[in-house]
Amino acid sequence: EFAEMTKRCNAAGVRIYVDIIFNHMAAHQGDGTGGSST
């Protein structure tokens, strides 16, 4: 779905910028939105 968005938005002349996080990882213990555990 992300790939479809970038394709359609670029075709409409609208660029996509991702809010990206790599300073840290999660502090809460729990399941992830993709089913992973930590």
Full PDB file with SEQRES, HELIX, SHEET, SSBOND, CRYST1, ORIGX, SCALE, CONECT and MASTER records, all heavy atoms in Angstrom:
SEQRES   1 A   38  GLU PHE ALA GLU MET THR LYS ARG CYS ASN ALA ALA GLY          
SEQRES   2 A   38  VAL ARG ILE TYR VAL ASP ILE ILE PHE ASN HIS MET ALA          
SEQRES   3 A   38  ALA HIS GLN GLY ASP GLY THR GLY GLY SER SER THR              
HELIX    1 AA1 PHE A    2  ALA A   11  1                                  10    
CRYST1    1.000    1.000    1.000  90.00  90.00  90.00 P 1           1          
ORIGX1      1.000000  0.000000  0.000000        0.00000                         
ORIGX2      0.000000  1.000000  0.000000        0.00000                         
ORIGX3      0.000000  0.000000  1.000000        0.00000                         
SCALE1      1.000000  0.000000  0.000000        0.00000                         
SCALE2      0.000000  1.000000  0.000000        0.00000                         
SCALE3      0.000000  0.000000  1.000000        0.00000                         
ATOM      1  N   GLU A   1       0.833  -1.208   0.000  1.00  0.00           N  
ATOM      2  CA  GLU A   1       0.000   0.000   0.000  1.00  0.00           C  
ATOM      3  C   GLU A   1       0.863   1.251   0.000  1.00  0.00           C  
ATOM      4  O   GLU A   1       0.531   2.251  -0.654  1.00  0.00           O  
ATOM      5  CB  GLU A   1      -0.936  -0.031   1.208  1.00  0.00           C  
ATOM      6  CG  GLU A   1      -2.010  -1.102   1.103  1.00  0.00           C  
ATOM      7  CD  GLU A   1      -2.735  -1.363   2.404  1.00  0.00           C  
ATOM      8  OE1 GLU A   1      -2.097  -1.210   3.483  1.00  0.00           O  
ATOM      9  OE2 GLU A   1      -3.919  -1.731   2.366  1.00  0.00           O  
ATOM     10  N   PHE A   2       1.984   1.191   0.715  1.00  0.00           N  
ATOM     11  CA  PHE A   2       2.920   2.323   0.700  1.00  0.00           C  
ATOM     12  C   PHE A   2       3.449   2.550  -0.712  1.00  0.00           C  
ATOM     13  O   PHE A   2       3.510   3.689  -1.197  1.00  0.00           O  
ATOM     14  CB  PHE A   2       4.074   2.063   1.673  1.00  0.00           C  
ATOM     15  CG  PHE A   2       5.066   3.183   1.741  1.00  0.00           C  
ATOM     16  CD1 PHE A   2       4.877   4.246   2.600  1.00  0.00           C  
ATOM     17  CD2 PHE A   2       6.195   3.183   0.926  1.00  0.00           C  
ATOM     18  CE1 PHE A   2       5.784   5.304   2.659  1.00  0.00           C  
ATOM     19  CE2 PHE A   2       7.106   4.223   0.972  1.00  0.00           C  
ATOM     20  CZ  PHE A   2       6.901   5.280   1.839  1.00  0.00           C  
ATOM     21  N   ALA A   3       3.825   1.467  -1.379  1.00  0.00           N  
ATOM     22  CA  ALA A   3       4.351   1.582  -2.745  1.00  0.00           C  
ATOM     23  C   ALA A   3       3.301   2.144  -3.702  1.00  0.00           C  
ATOM     24  O   ALA A   3       3.622   2.946  -4.592  1.00  0.00           O  
ATOM     25  CB  ALA A   3       4.837   0.212  -3.221  1.00  0.00           C  
ATOM     26  N   GLU A   4       2.049   1.740  -3.517  1.00  0.00           N  
ATOM     27  CA  GLU A   4       0.988   2.279  -4.361  1.00  0.00           C  
ATOM     28  C   GLU A   4       0.823   3.775  -4.134  1.00  0.00           C  
ATOM     29  O   GLU A   4       0.615   4.548  -5.078  1.00  0.00           O  
ATOM     30  CB  GLU A   4      -0.331   1.564  -4.094  1.00  0.00           C  
ATOM     31  CG  GLU A   4      -1.464   2.059  -4.985  1.00  0.00           C  
ATOM     32  CD  GLU A   4      -2.770   1.329  -4.788  1.00  0.00           C  
ATOM     33  OE1 GLU A   4      -2.771   0.240  -4.200  1.00  0.00           O  
ATOM     34  OE2 GLU A   4      -3.811   1.877  -5.223  1.00  0.00           O  
ATOM     35  N   MET A   5       0.921   4.206  -2.876  1.00  0.00           N  
ATOM     36  CA  MET A   5       0.814   5.624  -2.562  1.00  0.00           C  
ATOM     37  C   MET A   5       1.900   6.440  -3.252  1.00  0.00           C  
ATOM     38  O   MET A   5       1.619   7.472  -3.878  1.00  0.00           O  
ATOM     39  CB  MET A   5       0.902   5.831  -1.052  1.00  0.00           C  
ATOM     40  CG  MET A   5       0.972   7.295  -0.612  1.00  0.00           C  
ATOM     41  SD  MET A   5       1.381   7.484   1.135  1.00  0.00           S  
ATOM     42  CE  MET A   5       3.072   6.880   1.171  1.00  0.00           C  
ATOM     43  N   THR A   6       3.152   6.013  -3.128  1.00  0.00           N  
ATOM     44  CA  THR A   6       4.231   6.797  -3.741  1.00  0.00           C  
ATOM     45  C   THR A   6       4.065   6.875  -5.254  1.00  0.00           C  
ATOM     46  O   THR A   6       4.308   7.920  -5.861  1.00  0.00           O  
ATOM     47  CB  THR A   6       5.613   6.201  -3.399  1.00  0.00           C  
ATOM     48  OG1 THR A   6       5.703   4.862  -3.885  1.00  0.00           O  
ATOM     49  CG2 THR A   6       5.877   6.229  -1.912  1.00  0.00           C  
ATOM     50  N   LYS A   7       3.627   5.781  -5.861  1.00  0.00           N  
ATOM     51  CA  LYS A   7       3.423   5.773  -7.311  1.00  0.00           C  
ATOM     52  C   LYS A   7       2.336   6.764  -7.714  1.00  0.00           C  
ATOM     53  O   LYS A   7       2.520   7.578  -8.635  1.00  0.00           O  
ATOM     54  CB  LYS A   7       3.054   4.367  -7.764  1.00  0.00           C  
ATOM     55  CG  LYS A   7       2.812   4.239  -9.265  1.00  0.00           C  
ATOM     56  CD  LYS A   7       2.451   2.801  -9.637  1.00  0.00           C  
ATOM     57  CE  LYS A   7       2.195   2.662 -11.125  1.00  0.00           C  
ATOM     58  NZ  LYS A   7       1.848   1.263 -11.498  1.00  0.00           N  
ATOM     59  N   ARG A   8       1.218   6.727  -7.021  1.00  0.00           N  
ATOM     60  CA  ARG A   8       0.088   7.593  -7.377  1.00  0.00           C  
ATOM     61  C   ARG A   8       0.363   9.060  -7.048  1.00  0.00           C  
ATOM     62  O   ARG A   8      -0.020   9.956  -7.817  1.00  0.00           O  
ATOM     63  CB  ARG A   8      -1.179   7.091  -6.682  1.00  0.00           C  
ATOM     64  CG  ARG A   8      -1.687   5.774  -7.253  1.00  0.00           C  
ATOM     65  CD  ARG A   8      -2.744   5.125  -6.377  1.00  0.00           C  
ATOM     66  NE  ARG A   8      -3.921   5.967  -6.196  1.00  0.00           N  
ATOM     67  CZ  ARG A   8      -4.952   5.634  -5.416  1.00  0.00           C  
ATOM     68  NH1 ARG A   8      -4.928   4.478  -4.752  1.00  0.00           N  
ATOM     69  NH2 ARG A   8      -5.988   6.450  -5.302  1.00  0.00           N  
ATOM     70  N   CYS A   9       1.017   9.312  -5.926  1.00  0.00           N  
ATOM     71  CA  CYS A   9       1.305  10.701  -5.554  1.00  0.00           C  
ATOM     72  C   CYS A   9       2.329  11.323  -6.499  1.00  0.00           C  
ATOM     73  O   CYS A   9       2.163  12.471  -6.934  1.00  0.00           O  
ATOM     74  CB  CYS A   9       1.770  10.777  -4.106  1.00  0.00           C  
ATOM     75  SG  CYS A   9       0.435  10.540  -2.899  1.00  0.00           S  
ATOM     76  N   ASN A  10       3.387  10.592  -6.812  1.00  0.00           N  
ATOM     77  CA  ASN A  10       4.370  11.130  -7.761  1.00  0.00           C  
ATOM     78  C   ASN A  10       3.734  11.405  -9.119  1.00  0.00           C  
ATOM     79  O   ASN A  10       4.050  12.401  -9.777  1.00  0.00           O  
ATOM     80  CB  ASN A  10       5.547  10.165  -7.909  1.00  0.00           C  
ATOM     81  CG  ASN A  10       6.559  10.297  -6.790  1.00  0.00           C  
ATOM     82  OD1 ASN A  10       6.978  11.400  -6.454  1.00  0.00           O  
ATOM     83  ND2 ASN A  10       6.949   9.185  -6.199  1.00  0.00           N  
ATOM     84  N   ALA A  11       2.833  10.540  -9.541  1.00  0.00           N  
ATOM     85  CA  ALA A  11       2.140  10.751 -10.818  1.00  0.00           C  
ATOM     86  C   ALA A  11       1.277  12.006 -10.784  1.00  0.00           C  
ATOM     87  O   ALA A  11       1.041  12.634 -11.817  1.00  0.00           O  
ATOM     88  CB  ALA A  11       1.280   9.528 -11.157  1.00  0.00           C  
ATOM     89  N   ALA A  12       0.817  12.382  -9.581  1.00  0.00           N  
ATOM     90  CA  ALA A  12       0.003  13.595  -9.420  1.00  0.00           C  
ATOM     91  C   ALA A  12       0.863  14.837  -9.180  1.00  0.00           C  
ATOM     92  O   ALA A  12       0.328  15.929  -8.947  1.00  0.00           O  
ATOM     93  CB  ALA A  12      -0.976  13.404  -8.256  1.00  0.00           C  
ATOM     94  N   GLY A  13       2.186  14.679  -9.221  1.00  0.00           N  
ATOM     95  CA  GLY A  13       3.088  15.809  -9.008  1.00  0.00           C  
ATOM     96  C   GLY A  13       3.342  16.125  -7.559  1.00  0.00           C  
ATOM     97  O   GLY A  13       3.833  17.210  -7.226  1.00  0.00           O  
ATOM     98  N   VAL A  14       3.038  15.186  -6.659  1.00  0.00           N  
ATOM     99  CA  VAL A  14       3.172  15.405  -5.221  1.00  0.00           C  
ATOM    100  C   VAL A  14       4.218  14.438  -4.671  1.00  0.00           C  
ATOM    101  O   VAL A  14       4.090  13.221  -4.806  1.00  0.00           O  
ATOM    102  CB  VAL A  14       1.816  15.192  -4.500  1.00  0.00           C  
ATOM    103  CG1 VAL A  14       1.962  15.472  -3.011  1.00  0.00           C  
ATOM    104  CG2 VAL A  14       0.735  16.086  -5.112  1.00  0.00           C  
ATOM    105  N   ARG A  15       5.245  14.985  -4.034  1.00  0.00           N  
ATOM    106  CA  ARG A  15       6.343  14.176  -3.511  1.00  0.00           C  
ATOM    107  C   ARG A  15       6.021  13.636  -2.110  1.00  0.00           C  
ATOM    108  O   ARG A  15       5.232  14.238  -1.375  1.00  0.00           O  
ATOM    109  CB  ARG A  15       7.632  14.995  -3.448  1.00  0.00           C  
ATOM    110  CG  ARG A  15       8.076  15.584  -4.777  1.00  0.00           C  
ATOM    111  CD  ARG A  15       8.154  14.568  -5.883  1.00  0.00           C  
ATOM    112  NE  ARG A  15       8.909  15.050  -7.047  1.00  0.00           N  
ATOM    113  CZ  ARG A  15       8.942  14.430  -8.202  1.00  0.00           C  
ATOM    114  NH1 ARG A  15       8.257  13.307  -8.376  1.00  0.00           N  
ATOM    115  NH2 ARG A  15       9.650  14.905  -9.210  1.00  0.00           N  
ATOM    116  N   ILE A  16       6.675  12.526  -1.733  1.00  0.00           N  
ATOM    117  CA  ILE A  16       6.459  11.895  -0.442  1.00  0.00           C  
ATOM    118  C   ILE A  16       7.745  11.955   0.381  1.00  0.00           C  
ATOM    119  O   ILE A  16       8.827  11.593  -0.101  1.00  0.00           O  
ATOM    120  CB  ILE A  16       6.016  10.426  -0.601  1.00  0.00           C  
ATOM    121  CG1 ILE A  16       4.662  10.344  -1.303  1.00  0.00           C  
ATOM    122  CG2 ILE A  16       5.961   9.724   0.763  1.00  0.00           C  
ATOM    123  CD1 ILE A  16       3.501  10.928  -0.528  1.00  0.00           C  
ATOM    124  N   TYR A  17       7.611  12.403   1.632  1.00  0.00           N  
ATOM    125  CA  TYR A  17       8.733  12.492   2.570  1.00  0.00           C  
ATOM    126  C   TYR A  17       8.382  11.682   3.814  1.00  0.00           C  
ATOM    127  O   TYR A  17       7.346  11.905   4.438  1.00  0.00           O  
ATOM    128  CB  TYR A  17       9.014  13.944   2.948  1.00  0.00           C  
ATOM    129  CG  TYR A  17       9.148  14.841   1.731  1.00  0.00           C  
ATOM    130  CD1 TYR A  17       8.039  15.526   1.224  1.00  0.00           C  
ATOM    131  CD2 TYR A  17      10.363  14.971   1.075  1.00  0.00           C  
ATOM    132  CE1 TYR A  17       8.140  16.317   0.090  1.00  0.00           C  
ATOM    133  CE2 TYR A  17      10.473  15.764  -0.067  1.00  0.00           C  
ATOM    134  CZ  TYR A  17       9.360  16.435  -0.554  1.00  0.00           C  
ATOM    135  OH  TYR A  17       9.462  17.207  -1.676  1.00  0.00           O  
ATOM    136  N   VAL A  18       9.252  10.750   4.171  1.00  0.00           N  
ATOM    137  CA  VAL A  18       8.979   9.836   5.278  1.00  0.00           C  
ATOM    138  C   VAL A  18       9.567  10.370   6.577  1.00  0.00           C  
ATOM    139  O   VAL A  18      10.734  10.753   6.632  1.00  0.00           O  
ATOM    140  CB  VAL A  18       9.556   8.438   4.983  1.00  0.00           C  
ATOM    141  CG1 VAL A  18       9.492   7.549   6.215  1.00  0.00           C  
ATOM    142  CG2 VAL A  18       8.804   7.793   3.822  1.00  0.00           C  
ATOM    143  N   ASP A  19       8.750  10.375   7.621  1.00  0.00           N  
ATOM    144  CA  ASP A  19       9.215  10.669   8.969  1.00  0.00           C  
ATOM    145  C   ASP A  19       9.903   9.399   9.476  1.00  0.00           C  
ATOM    146  O   ASP A  19       9.242   8.401   9.768  1.00  0.00           O  
ATOM    147  CB  ASP A  19       8.001  11.016   9.838  1.00  0.00           C  
ATOM    148  CG  ASP A  19       8.387  11.720  11.137  1.00  0.00           C  
ATOM    149  OD1 ASP A  19       9.584  11.751  11.466  1.00  0.00           O  
ATOM    150  OD2 ASP A  19       7.480  12.222  11.827  1.00  0.00           O  
ATOM    151  N   ILE A  20      11.231   9.422   9.537  1.00  0.00           N  
ATOM    152  CA  ILE A  20      11.982   8.198   9.823  1.00  0.00           C  
ATOM    153  C   ILE A  20      12.674   8.285  11.185  1.00  0.00           C  
ATOM    154  O   ILE A  20      13.126   9.353  11.596  1.00  0.00           O  
ATOM    155  CB  ILE A  20      13.000   7.914   8.695  1.00  0.00           C  
ATOM    156  CG1 ILE A  20      13.509   6.492   8.780  1.00  0.00           C  
ATOM    157  CG2 ILE A  20      14.129   8.928   8.684  1.00  0.00           C  
ATOM    158  CD1 ILE A  20      14.216   6.015   7.534  1.00  0.00           C  
ATOM    159  N   ILE A  21      12.724   7.135  11.879  1.00  0.00           N  
ATOM    160  CA  ILE A  21      13.233   7.100  13.249  1.00  0.00           C  
ATOM    161  C   ILE A  21      14.365   6.096  13.336  1.00  0.00           C  
ATOM    162  O   ILE A  21      14.161   4.893  13.122  1.00  0.00           O  
ATOM    163  CB  ILE A  21      12.116   6.698  14.234  1.00  0.00           C  
ATOM    164  CG1 ILE A  21      10.966   7.680  14.127  1.00  0.00           C  
ATOM    165  CG2 ILE A  21      12.633   6.660  15.674  1.00  0.00           C  
ATOM    166  CD1 ILE A  21       9.630   7.058  14.353  1.00  0.00           C  
ATOM    167  N   PHE A  22      15.570   6.579  13.644  1.00  0.00           N  
ATOM    168  CA  PHE A  22      16.672   5.651  13.864  1.00  0.00           C  
ATOM    169  C   PHE A  22      17.603   6.130  14.974  1.00  0.00           C  
ATOM    170  O   PHE A  22      18.717   5.622  15.138  1.00  0.00           O  
ATOM    171  CB  PHE A  22      17.444   5.364  12.570  1.00  0.00           C  
ATOM    172  CG  PHE A  22      17.933   6.575  11.813  1.00  0.00           C  
ATOM    173  CD1 PHE A  22      19.094   7.230  12.188  1.00  0.00           C  
ATOM    174  CD2 PHE A  22      17.255   7.029  10.688  1.00  0.00           C  
ATOM    175  CE1 PHE A  22      19.570   8.311  11.473  1.00  0.00           C  
ATOM    176  CE2 PHE A  22      17.721   8.119   9.958  1.00  0.00           C  
ATOM    177  CZ  PHE A  22      18.889   8.767  10.359  1.00  0.00           C  
ATOM    178  N   ASN A  23      17.142   7.086  15.790  1.00  0.00           N  
ATOM    179  CA  ASN A  23      17.875   7.454  16.993  1.00  0.00           C  
ATOM    180  C   ASN A  23      17.717   6.397  18.074  1.00  0.00           C  
ATOM    181  O   ASN A  23      18.605   6.179  18.888  1.00  0.00           O  
ATOM    182  CB  ASN A  23      17.366   8.801  17.529  1.00  0.00           C  
ATOM    183  CG  ASN A  23      17.928   9.123  18.908  1.00  0.00           C  
ATOM    184  OD1 ASN A  23      19.117   9.370  19.058  1.00  0.00           O  
ATOM    185  ND2 ASN A  23      17.073   9.089  19.932  1.00  0.00           N  
ATOM    186  N   HIS A  24      16.571   5.731  18.057  1.00  0.00           N  
ATOM    187  CA  HIS A  24      16.219   4.850  19.171  1.00  0.00           C  
ATOM    188  C   HIS A  24      15.277   3.741  18.711  1.00  0.00           C  
ATOM    189  O   HIS A  24      14.810   3.749  17.572  1.00  0.00           O  
ATOM    190  CB  HIS A  24      15.550   5.669  20.276  1.00  0.00           C  
ATOM    191  CG  HIS A  24      14.339   6.418  19.789  1.00  0.00           C  
ATOM    192  ND1 HIS A  24      14.387   7.749  19.417  1.00  0.00           N  
ATOM    193  CD2 HIS A  24      13.045   6.031  19.572  1.00  0.00           C  
ATOM    194  CE1 HIS A  24      13.191   8.136  19.018  1.00  0.00           C  
ATOM    195  NE2 HIS A  24      12.357   7.106  19.099  1.00  0.00           N  
ATOM    196  N   MET A  25      14.973   2.853  19.639  1.00  0.00           N  
ATOM    197  CA  MET A  25      13.957   1.824  19.421  1.00  0.00           C  
ATOM    198  C   MET A  25      12.903   1.960  20.525  1.00  0.00           C  
ATOM    199  O   MET A  25      12.973   2.855  21.361  1.00  0.00           O  
ATOM    200  CB  MET A  25      14.593   0.430  19.431  1.00  0.00           C  
ATOM    201  CG  MET A  25      15.584   0.189  18.301  1.00  0.00           C  
ATOM    202  SD  MET A  25      14.869   0.265  16.633  1.00  0.00           S  
ATOM    203  CE  MET A  25      13.964  -1.286  16.586  1.00  0.00           C  
ATOM    204  N   ALA A  26      11.909   1.082  20.514  1.00  0.00           N  
ATOM    205  CA  ALA A  26      10.782   1.181  21.436  1.00  0.00           C  
ATOM    206  C   ALA A  26      11.207   0.970  22.888  1.00  0.00           C  
ATOM    207  O   ALA A  26      12.053   0.117  23.196  1.00  0.00           O  
ATOM    208  CB  ALA A  26       9.708   0.166  21.061  1.00  0.00           C  
ATOM    209  N   ALA A  27      10.592   1.749  23.781  1.00  0.00           N  
ATOM    210  CA  ALA A  27      10.830   1.584  25.221  1.00  0.00           C  
ATOM    211  C   ALA A  27       9.765   0.714  25.866  1.00  0.00           C  
ATOM    212  O   ALA A  27       9.999   0.121  26.926  1.00  0.00           O  
ATOM    213  CB  ALA A  27      10.866   2.945  25.904  1.00  0.00           C  
ATOM    214  N   HIS A  28       8.584   0.648  25.250  1.00  0.00           N  
ATOM    215  CA  HIS A  28       7.496  -0.168  25.790  1.00  0.00           C  
ATOM    216  C   HIS A  28       7.658  -1.628  25.362  1.00  0.00           C  
ATOM    217  O   HIS A  28       8.092  -1.907  24.243  1.00  0.00           O  
ATOM    218  CB  HIS A  28       6.132   0.349  25.317  1.00  0.00           C  
ATOM    219  CG  HIS A  28       5.689   1.598  26.011  1.00  0.00           C  
ATOM    220  ND1 HIS A  28       6.240   2.826  25.738  1.00  0.00           N  
ATOM    221  CD2 HIS A  28       4.745   1.801  26.972  1.00  0.00           C  
ATOM    222  CE1 HIS A  28       5.652   3.751  26.491  1.00  0.00           C  
ATOM    223  NE2 HIS A  28       4.754   3.147  27.251  1.00  0.00           N  
ATOM    224  N   GLN A  29       7.298  -2.524  26.259  1.00  0.00           N  
ATOM    225  CA  GLN A  29       7.299  -3.950  25.934  1.00  0.00           C  
ATOM    226  C   GLN A  29       5.924  -4.326  25.406  1.00  0.00           C  
ATOM    227  O   GLN A  29       4.910  -4.017  26.018  1.00  0.00           O  
ATOM    228  CB  GLN A  29       7.603  -4.779  27.188  1.00  0.00           C  
ATOM    229  CG  GLN A  29       7.657  -6.273  26.950  1.00  0.00           C  
ATOM    230  CD  GLN A  29       8.868  -6.689  26.123  1.00  0.00           C  
ATOM    231  OE1 GLN A  29       9.973  -6.240  26.372  1.00  0.00           O  
ATOM    232  NE2 GLN A  29       8.651  -7.526  25.124  1.00  0.00           N  
ATOM    233  N   GLY A  30       5.868  -4.989  24.270  1.00  0.00           N  
ATOM    234  CA  GLY A  30       4.580  -5.401  23.727  1.00  0.00           C  
ATOM    235  C   GLY A  30       4.715  -5.883  22.300  1.00  0.00           C  
ATOM    236  O   GLY A  30       5.806  -5.866  21.711  1.00  0.00           O  
ATOM    237  N   ASP A  31       3.598  -6.302  21.734  1.00  0.00           N  
ATOM    238  CA  ASP A  31       3.589  -6.749  20.344  1.00  0.00           C  
ATOM    239  C   ASP A  31       3.727  -5.555  19.407  1.00  0.00           C  
ATOM    240  O   ASP A  31       3.361  -4.424  19.744  1.00  0.00           O  
ATOM    241  CB  ASP A  31       2.290  -7.492  20.037  1.00  0.00           C  
ATOM    242  CG  ASP A  31       2.178  -8.793  20.815  1.00  0.00           C  
ATOM    243  OD1 ASP A  31       3.229  -9.383  21.119  1.00  0.00           O  
ATOM    244  OD2 ASP A  31       1.040  -9.202  21.126  1.00  0.00           O  
ATOM    245  N   GLY A  32       4.218  -5.840  18.200  1.00  0.00           N  
ATOM    246  CA  GLY A  32       4.353  -4.793  17.200  1.00  0.00           C  
ATOM    247  C   GLY A  32       3.234  -4.839  16.189  1.00  0.00           C  
ATOM    248  O   GLY A  32       2.496  -5.827  16.094  1.00  0.00           O  
ATOM    249  N   THR A  33       3.096  -3.766  15.404  1.00  0.00           N  
ATOM    250  CA  THR A  33       2.039  -3.686  14.395  1.00  0.00           C  
ATOM    251  C   THR A  33       2.239  -4.683  13.263  1.00  0.00           C  
ATOM    252  O   THR A  33       1.314  -4.930  12.492  1.00  0.00           O  
ATOM    253  CB  THR A  33       1.963  -2.258  13.817  1.00  0.00           C  
ATOM    254  OG1 THR A  33       3.292  -1.840  13.429  1.00  0.00           O  
ATOM    255  CG2 THR A  33       1.404  -1.280  14.833  1.00  0.00           C  
ATOM    256  N   GLY A  34       3.439  -5.265  13.183  1.00  0.00           N  
ATOM    257  CA  GLY A  34       3.694  -6.300  12.196  1.00  0.00           C  
ATOM    258  C   GLY A  34       3.778  -7.690  12.795  1.00  0.00           C  
ATOM    259  O   GLY A  34       4.179  -8.634  12.116  1.00  0.00           O  
ATOM    260  N   GLY A  35       3.433  -7.799  14.082  1.00  0.00           N  
ATOM    261  CA  GLY A  35       3.423  -9.104  14.734  1.00  0.00           C  
ATOM    262  C   GLY A  35       4.716  -9.503  15.400  1.00  0.00           C  
ATOM    263  O   GLY A  35       4.821 -10.601  15.949  1.00  0.00           O  
ATOM    264  N   SER A  36       5.730  -8.639  15.387  1.00  0.00           N  
ATOM    265  CA  SER A  36       7.006  -9.007  15.992  1.00  0.00           C  
ATOM    266  C   SER A  36       6.953  -8.837  17.507  1.00  0.00           C  
ATOM    267  O   SER A  36       6.131  -8.092  18.041  1.00  0.00           O  
ATOM    268  CB  SER A  36       8.142  -8.170  15.409  1.00  0.00           C  
ATOM    269  OG  SER A  36       8.044  -6.834  15.860  1.00  0.00           O  
ATOM    270  N   SER A  37       7.859  -9.516  18.182  1.00  0.00           N  
ATOM    271  CA  SER A  37       7.976  -9.380  19.633  1.00  0.00           C  
ATOM    272  C   SER A  37       9.423  -9.051  19.977  1.00  0.00           C  
ATOM    273  O   SER A  37      10.338  -9.345  19.198  1.00  0.00           O  
ATOM    274  CB  SER A  37       7.550 -10.672  20.336  1.00  0.00           C  
ATOM    275  OG  SER A  37       8.347 -11.760  19.898  1.00  0.00           O  
ATOM    276  N   THR A  38       9.624  -8.438  21.126  1.00  0.00           N  
ATOM    277  CA  THR A  38      10.954  -8.001  21.536  1.00  0.00           C  
ATOM    278  C   THR A  38      11.143  -8.280  23.019  1.00  0.00           C  
ATOM    279  O   THR A  38      10.199  -8.622  23.732  1.00  0.00           O  
ATOM    280  CB  THR A  38      11.131  -6.486  21.307  1.00  0.00           C  
ATOM    281  OG1 THR A  38      10.152  -5.785  22.084  1.00  0.00           O  
ATOM    282  CG2 THR A  38      10.958  -6.124  19.855  1.00  0.00           C  
TER     283      THR A  38                                                      
MASTER        0    0    0    1    0    0    0    6  282    1    0    3          
END                                                                             
